[in-house]
Amino acid sequence: MMPLSMAKTGETVTIRKITGKDEVRQHLAELGFVVDAAVTVVNELGGNLILQVKDSRVALDRGLANRIMF
């Protein structure tokens, strides 16, 4: 498994695991980042990732992206 921050722009990956405290995992789940969800990396700006998850685009900083494994 690799962290989401290692995915290339335009790549679609499937989430396998989410690490971190319960509050962090709950926050990511509310944004749509759940196990077996497909996530597409739209762009990377200054280390932050623009991600397409379900029907919305979400920006995550590298710290949060490192907690999402694919």
PDB file of N, CA and C in Angstrom:
ATOM      1  N   MET A   1       0.841  -1.194   0.000  1.00  0.00           N
ATOM      2  CA  MET A   1       0.000   0.000   0.000  1.00  0.00           C
ATOM      3  C   MET A   1       0.880   1.249   0.000  1.00  0.00           C
ATOM      4  N   MET A   2       0.356   2.283  -0.643  1.00  0.00           N
ATOM      5  CA  MET A   2       1.062   3.560  -0.718  1.00  0.00           C
ATOM      6  C   MET A   2       0.109   4.677  -0.314  1.00  0.00           C
ATOM      7  N   PRO A   3       0.633   5.794   0.232  1.00  0.00           N
ATOM      8  CA  PRO A   3      -0.247   6.912   0.580  1.00  0.00           C
ATOM      9  C   PRO A   3      -0.755   7.626  -0.673  1.00  0.00           C
ATOM     10  N   LEU A   4      -1.912   8.239  -0.550  1.00  0.00           N
ATOM     11  CA  LEU A   4      -2.543   8.935  -1.666  1.00  0.00           C
ATOM     12  C   LEU A   4      -1.653  10.041  -2.221  1.00  0.00           C
ATOM     13  N   SER A   5      -0.797  10.604  -1.396  1.00  0.00           N
ATOM     14  CA  SER A   5       0.096  11.673  -1.857  1.00  0.00           C
ATOM     15  C   SER A   5       1.093  11.185  -2.914  1.00  0.00           C
ATOM     16  N   MET A   6       1.248   9.867  -3.059  1.00  0.00           N
ATOM     17  CA  MET A   6       2.169   9.309  -4.054  1.00  0.00           C
ATOM     18  C   MET A   6       1.494   9.084  -5.410  1.00  0.00           C
ATOM     19  N   ALA A   7       0.177   9.238  -5.487  1.00  0.00           N
ATOM     20  CA  ALA A   7      -0.546   9.030  -6.748  1.00  0.00           C
ATOM     21  C   ALA A   7      -0.227  10.172  -7.713  1.00  0.00           C
ATOM     22  N   LYS A   8      -0.191   9.856  -8.988  1.00  0.00           N
ATOM     23  CA  LYS A   8       0.118  10.842 -10.027  1.00  0.00           C
ATOM     24  C   LYS A   8      -1.152  11.588 -10.451  1.00  0.00           C
ATOM     25  N   THR A   9      -0.970  12.783 -10.994  1.00  0.00           N
ATOM     26  CA  THR A   9      -2.084  13.563 -11.514  1.00  0.00           C
ATOM     27  C   THR A   9      -2.791  12.783 -12.619  1.00  0.00           C
ATOM     28  N   GLY A  10      -4.113  12.705 -12.546  1.00  0.00           N
ATOM     29  CA  GLY A  10      -4.899  11.979 -13.531  1.00  0.00           C
ATOM     30  C   GLY A  10      -5.128  10.524 -13.179  1.00  0.00           C
ATOM     31  N   GLU A  11      -4.441  10.020 -12.177  1.00  0.00           N
ATOM     32  CA  GLU A  11      -4.559   8.618 -11.778  1.00  0.00           C
ATOM     33  C   GLU A  11      -5.793   8.411 -10.898  1.00  0.00           C
ATOM     34  N   THR A  12      -6.510   7.328 -11.138  1.00  0.00           N
ATOM     35  CA  THR A  12      -7.648   6.951 -10.295  1.00  0.00           C
ATOM     36  C   THR A  12      -7.249   5.733  -9.476  1.00  0.00           C
ATOM     37  N   VAL A  13      -7.437   5.840  -8.167  1.00  0.00           N
ATOM     38  CA  VAL A  13      -7.055   4.755  -7.259  1.00  0.00           C
ATOM     39  C   VAL A  13      -8.243   4.393  -6.377  1.00  0.00           C
ATOM     40  N   THR A  14      -8.177   3.215  -5.769  1.00  0.00           N
ATOM     41  CA  THR A  14      -9.208   2.766  -4.839  1.00  0.00           C
ATOM     42  C   THR A  14      -8.624   2.768  -3.436  1.00  0.00           C
ATOM     43  N   ILE A  15      -9.338   3.401  -2.500  1.00  0.00           N
ATOM     44  CA  ILE A  15      -8.864   3.489  -1.120  1.00  0.00           C
ATOM     45  C   ILE A  15      -8.895   2.110  -0.478  1.00  0.00           C
ATOM     46  N   ARG A  16      -7.791   1.731   0.139  1.00  0.00           N
ATOM     47  CA  ARG A  16      -7.683   0.424   0.813  1.00  0.00           C
ATOM     48  C   ARG A  16      -7.725   0.558   2.325  1.00  0.00           C
ATOM     49  N   LYS A  17      -7.194   1.686   2.864  1.00  0.00           N
ATOM     50  CA  LYS A  17      -7.107   1.843   4.316  1.00  0.00           C
ATOM     51  C   LYS A  17      -6.986   3.320   4.643  1.00  0.00           C
ATOM     52  N   ILE A  18      -7.549   3.718   5.787  1.00  0.00           N
ATOM     53  CA  ILE A  18      -7.400   5.094   6.269  1.00  0.00           C
ATOM     54  C   ILE A  18      -6.869   5.018   7.691  1.00  0.00           C
ATOM     55  N   THR A  19      -5.746   5.699   7.939  1.00  0.00           N
ATOM     56  CA  THR A  19      -5.109   5.656   9.250  1.00  0.00           C
ATOM     57  C   THR A  19      -5.366   6.955   9.996  1.00  0.00           C
ATOM     58  N   GLY A  20      -5.009   6.971  11.272  1.00  0.00           N
ATOM     59  CA  GLY A  20      -5.148   8.178  12.075  1.00  0.00           C
ATOM     60  C   GLY A  20      -6.152   7.999  13.200  1.00  0.00           C
ATOM     61  N   LYS A  21      -6.324   9.069  13.965  1.00  0.00           N
ATOM     62  CA  LYS A  21      -7.256   9.047  15.084  1.00  0.00           C
ATOM     63  C   LYS A  21      -8.693   8.951  14.569  1.00  0.00           C
ATOM     64  N   ASP A  22      -9.589   8.557  15.460  1.00  0.00           N
ATOM     65  CA  ASP A  22     -10.998   8.419  15.093  1.00  0.00           C
ATOM     66  C   ASP A  22     -11.566   9.705  14.504  1.00  0.00           C
ATOM     67  N   GLU A  23     -11.174  10.865  15.072  1.00  0.00           N
ATOM     68  CA  GLU A  23     -11.694  12.144  14.588  1.00  0.00           C
ATOM     69  C   GLU A  23     -11.252  12.398  13.144  1.00  0.00           C
ATOM     70  N   VAL A  24     -10.011  12.064  12.843  1.00  0.00           N
ATOM     71  CA  VAL A  24      -9.476  12.269  11.494  1.00  0.00           C
ATOM     72  C   VAL A  24     -10.195  11.360  10.509  1.00  0.00           C
ATOM     73  N   ARG A  25     -10.336  10.083  10.864  1.00  0.00           N
ATOM     74  CA  ARG A  25     -11.009   9.130   9.978  1.00  0.00           C
ATOM     75  C   ARG A  25     -12.465   9.525   9.761  1.00  0.00           C
ATOM     76  N   GLN A  26     -13.134  10.016  10.815  1.00  0.00           N
ATOM     77  CA  GLN A  26     -14.524  10.445  10.696  1.00  0.00           C
ATOM     78  C   GLN A  26     -14.633  11.648   9.756  1.00  0.00           C
ATOM     79  N   HIS A  27     -13.720  12.606   9.900  1.00  0.00           N
ATOM     80  CA  HIS A  27     -13.719  13.793   9.037  1.00  0.00           C
ATOM     81  C   HIS A  27     -13.536  13.404   7.569  1.00  0.00           C
ATOM     82  N   LEU A  28     -12.583  12.510   7.307  1.00  0.00           N
ATOM     83  CA  LEU A  28     -12.350  12.074   5.933  1.00  0.00           C
ATOM     84  C   LEU A  28     -13.561  11.310   5.391  1.00  0.00           C
ATOM     85  N   ALA A  29     -14.208  10.511   6.237  1.00  0.00           N
ATOM     86  CA  ALA A  29     -15.403   9.772   5.808  1.00  0.00           C
ATOM     87  C   ALA A  29     -16.525  10.735   5.436  1.00  0.00           C
ATOM     88  N   GLU A  30     -16.666  11.823   6.186  1.00  0.00           N
ATOM     89  CA  GLU A  30     -17.693  12.820   5.874  1.00  0.00           C
ATOM     90  C   GLU A  30     -17.426  13.511   4.544  1.00  0.00           C
ATOM     91  N   LEU A  31     -16.162  13.580   4.148  1.00  0.00           N
ATOM     92  CA  LEU A  31     -15.795  14.165   2.855  1.00  0.00           C
ATOM     93  C   LEU A  31     -15.945  13.164   1.708  1.00  0.00           C
ATOM     94  N   GLY A  32     -16.179  11.887   2.045  1.00  0.00           N
ATOM     95  CA  GLY A  32     -16.364  10.864   1.017  1.00  0.00           C
ATOM     96  C   GLY A  32     -15.205   9.906   0.876  1.00  0.00           C
ATOM     97  N   PHE A  33     -14.182  10.075   1.706  1.00  0.00           N
ATOM     98  CA  PHE A  33     -13.015   9.187   1.638  1.00  0.00           C
ATOM     99  C   PHE A  33     -13.249   7.981   2.536  1.00  0.00           C
ATOM    100  N   VAL A  34     -13.779   6.916   1.946  1.00  0.00           N
ATOM    101  CA  VAL A  34     -14.056   5.678   2.662  1.00  0.00           C
ATOM    102  C   VAL A  34     -13.392   4.523   1.921  1.00  0.00           C
ATOM    103  N   VAL A  35     -13.191   3.410   2.621  1.00  0.00           N
ATOM    104  CA  VAL A  35     -12.561   2.236   2.024  1.00  0.00           C
ATOM    105  C   VAL A  35     -13.376   1.766   0.822  1.00  0.00           C
ATOM    106  N   ASP A  36     -12.704   1.412  -0.243  1.00  0.00           N
ATOM    107  CA  ASP A  36     -13.261   0.946  -1.520  1.00  0.00           C
ATOM    108  C   ASP A  36     -13.836   2.062  -2.393  1.00  0.00           C
ATOM    109  N   ALA A  37     -13.677   3.322  -1.984  1.00  0.00           N
ATOM    110  CA  ALA A  37     -14.116   4.439  -2.821  1.00  0.00           C
ATOM    111  C   ALA A  37     -13.034   4.743  -3.862  1.00  0.00           C
ATOM    112  N   ALA A  38     -13.467   5.137  -5.052  1.00  0.00           N
ATOM    113  CA  ALA A  38     -12.530   5.523  -6.112  1.00  0.00           C
ATOM    114  C   ALA A  38     -12.222   7.013  -5.981  1.00  0.00           C
ATOM    115  N   VAL A  39     -10.936   7.342  -6.072  1.00  0.00           N
ATOM    116  CA  VAL A  39     -10.483   8.730  -5.951  1.00  0.00           C
ATOM    117  C   VAL A  39      -9.575   9.040  -7.129  1.00  0.00           C
ATOM    118  N   THR A  40      -9.815  10.181  -7.791  1.00  0.00           N
ATOM    119  CA  THR A  40      -8.982  10.616  -8.901  1.00  0.00           C
ATOM    120  C   THR A  40      -8.206  11.858  -8.488  1.00  0.00           C
ATOM    121  N   VAL A  41      -6.902  11.859  -8.757  1.00  0.00           N
ATOM    122  CA  VAL A  41      -6.071  13.032  -8.480  1.00  0.00           C
ATOM    123  C   VAL A  41      -6.253  13.995  -9.653  1.00  0.00           C
ATOM    124  N   VAL A  42      -6.863  15.138  -9.384  1.00  0.00           N
ATOM    125  CA  VAL A  42      -7.131  16.127 -10.428  1.00  0.00           C
ATOM    126  C   VAL A  42      -5.908  17.010 -10.652  1.00  0.00           C
ATOM    127  N   ASN A  43      -5.296  17.461  -9.563  1.00  0.00           N
ATOM    128  CA  ASN A  43      -4.154  18.365  -9.679  1.00  0.00           C
ATOM    129  C   ASN A  43      -3.379  18.367  -8.372  1.00  0.00           C
ATOM    130  N   GLU A  44      -2.157  18.874  -8.432  1.00  0.00           N
ATOM    131  CA  GLU A  44      -1.338  19.042  -7.234  1.00  0.00           C
ATOM    132  C   GLU A  44      -0.798  20.457  -7.236  1.00  0.00           C
ATOM    133  N   LEU A  45      -1.081  21.193  -6.166  1.00  0.00           N
ATOM    134  CA  LEU A  45      -0.660  22.587  -6.064  1.00  0.00           C
ATOM    135  C   LEU A  45       0.097  22.792  -4.761  1.00  0.00           C
ATOM    136  N   GLY A  46       1.367  23.047  -4.847  1.00  0.00           N
ATOM    137  CA  GLY A  46       2.160  23.323  -3.656  1.00  0.00           C
ATOM    138  C   GLY A  46       2.124  22.211  -2.626  1.00  0.00           C
ATOM    139  N   GLY A  47       2.055  20.983  -3.065  1.00  0.00           N
ATOM    140  CA  GLY A  47       2.011  19.860  -2.143  1.00  0.00           C
ATOM    141  C   GLY A  47       0.603  19.459  -1.742  1.00  0.00           C
ATOM    142  N   ASN A  48      -0.365  20.332  -1.984  1.00  0.00           N
ATOM    143  CA  ASN A  48      -1.758  20.002  -1.695  1.00  0.00           C
ATOM    144  C   ASN A  48      -2.368  19.303  -2.900  1.00  0.00           C
ATOM    145  N   LEU A  49      -3.325  18.408  -2.645  1.00  0.00           N
ATOM    146  CA  LEU A  49      -3.933  17.630  -3.720  1.00  0.00           C
ATOM    147  C   LEU A  49      -5.377  18.061  -3.943  1.00  0.00           C
ATOM    148  N   ILE A  50      -5.761  18.209  -5.207  1.00  0.00           N
ATOM    149  CA  ILE A  50      -7.155  18.405  -5.582  1.00  0.00           C
ATOM    150  C   ILE A  50      -7.651  17.031  -6.020  1.00  0.00           C
ATOM    151  N   LEU A  51      -8.671  16.517  -5.350  1.00  0.00           N
ATOM    152  CA  LEU A  51      -9.132  15.151  -5.577  1.00  0.00           C
ATOM    153  C   LEU A  51     -10.592  15.122  -5.982  1.00  0.00           C
ATOM    154  N   GLN A  52     -10.917  14.239  -6.908  1.00  0.00           N
ATOM    155  CA  GLN A  52     -12.310  13.998  -7.310  1.00  0.00           C
ATOM    156  C   GLN A  52     -12.759  12.754  -6.560  1.00  0.00           C
ATOM    157  N   VAL A  53     -13.733  12.915  -5.683  1.00  0.00           N
ATOM    158  CA  VAL A  53     -14.272  11.777  -4.943  1.00  0.00           C
ATOM    159  C   VAL A  53     -15.787  11.855  -5.031  1.00  0.00           C
ATOM    160  N   LYS A  54     -16.397  10.774  -5.494  1.00  0.00           N
ATOM    161  CA  LYS A  54     -17.825  10.736  -5.787  1.00  0.00           C
ATOM    162  C   LYS A  54     -18.130  11.855  -6.780  1.00  0.00           C
ATOM    163  N   ASP A  55     -19.038  12.776  -6.450  1.00  0.00           N
ATOM    164  CA  ASP A  55     -19.399  13.837  -7.397  1.00  0.00           C
ATOM    165  C   ASP A  55     -18.831  15.196  -7.014  1.00  0.00           C
ATOM    166  N   SER A  56     -17.806  15.227  -6.184  1.00  0.00           N
ATOM    167  CA  SER A  56     -17.278  16.518  -5.764  1.00  0.00           C
ATOM    168  C   SER A  56     -15.755  16.528  -5.802  1.00  0.00           C
ATOM    169  N   ARG A  57     -15.209  17.734  -5.824  1.00  0.00           N
ATOM    170  CA  ARG A  57     -13.759  17.914  -5.771  1.00  0.00           C
ATOM    171  C   ARG A  57     -13.404  18.436  -4.392  1.00  0.00           C
ATOM    172  N   VAL A  58     -12.365  17.850  -3.820  1.00  0.00           N
ATOM    173  CA  VAL A  58     -11.942  18.196  -2.460  1.00  0.00           C
ATOM    174  C   VAL A  58     -10.443  18.459  -2.481  1.00  0.00           C
ATOM    175  N   ALA A  59     -10.019  19.479  -1.759  1.00  0.00           N
ATOM    176  CA  ALA A  59      -8.590  19.761  -1.610  1.00  0.00           C
ATOM    177  C   ALA A  59      -8.124  19.220  -0.264  1.00  0.00           C
ATOM    178  N   LEU A  60      -7.040  18.457  -0.281  1.00  0.00           N
ATOM    179  CA  LEU A  60      -6.451  17.932   0.957  1.00  0.00           C
ATOM    180  C   LEU A  60      -4.987  18.328   1.022  1.00  0.00           C
ATOM    181  N   ASP A  61      -4.518  18.641   2.229  1.00  0.00           N
ATOM    182  CA  ASP A  61      -3.089  18.898   2.365  1.00  0.00           C
ATOM    183  C   ASP A  61      -2.348  17.560   2.394  1.00  0.00           C
ATOM    184  N   ARG A  62      -1.056  17.627   2.245  1.00  0.00           N
ATOM    185  CA  ARG A  62      -0.243  16.411   2.139  1.00  0.00           C
ATOM    186  C   ARG A  62      -0.356  15.557   3.401  1.00  0.00           C
ATOM    187  N   GLY A  63      -0.499  16.170   4.566  1.00  0.00           N
ATOM    188  CA  GLY A  63      -0.607  15.420   5.816  1.00  0.00           C
ATOM    189  C   GLY A  63      -1.819  14.504   5.832  1.00  0.00           C
ATOM    190  N   LEU A  64      -2.968  15.023   5.417  1.00  0.00           N
ATOM    191  CA  LEU A  64      -4.181  14.195   5.363  1.00  0.00           C
ATOM    192  C   LEU A  64      -4.086  13.169   4.243  1.00  0.00           C
ATOM    193  N   ALA A  65      -3.523  13.574   3.121  1.00  0.00           N
ATOM    194  CA  ALA A  65      -3.394  12.638   1.995  1.00  0.00           C
ATOM    195  C   ALA A  65      -2.497  11.453   2.364  1.00  0.00           C
ATOM    196  N   ASN A  66      -1.526  11.677   3.251  1.00  0.00           N
ATOM    197  CA  ASN A  66      -0.641  10.595   3.672  1.00  0.00           C
ATOM    198  C   ASN A  66      -1.361   9.565   4.540  1.00  0.00           C
ATOM    199  N   ARG A  67      -2.514   9.926   5.099  1.00  0.00           N
ATOM    200  CA  ARG A  67      -3.280   8.990   5.939  1.00  0.00           C
ATOM    201  C   ARG A  67      -4.184   8.076   5.119  1.00  0.00           C
ATOM    202  N   ILE A  68      -4.359   8.405   3.836  1.00  0.00           N
ATOM    203  CA  ILE A  68      -5.223   7.599   2.960  1.00  0.00           C
ATOM    204  C   ILE A  68      -4.339   6.684   2.125  1.00  0.00           C
ATOM    205  N   MET A  69      -4.526   5.392   2.269  1.00  0.00           N
ATOM    206  CA  MET A  69      -3.690   4.415   1.561  1.00  0.00           C
ATOM    207  C   MET A  69      -4.451   3.776   0.408  1.00  0.00           C
ATOM    208  N   PHE A  70      -3.716   3.518  -0.688  1.00  0.00           N
ATOM    209  CA  PHE A  70      -4.319   2.812  -1.816  1.00  0.00           C
ATOM    210  C   PHE A  70      -3.440   1.658  -2.220  1.00  0.00           C
TER     211      PHE A  70
END
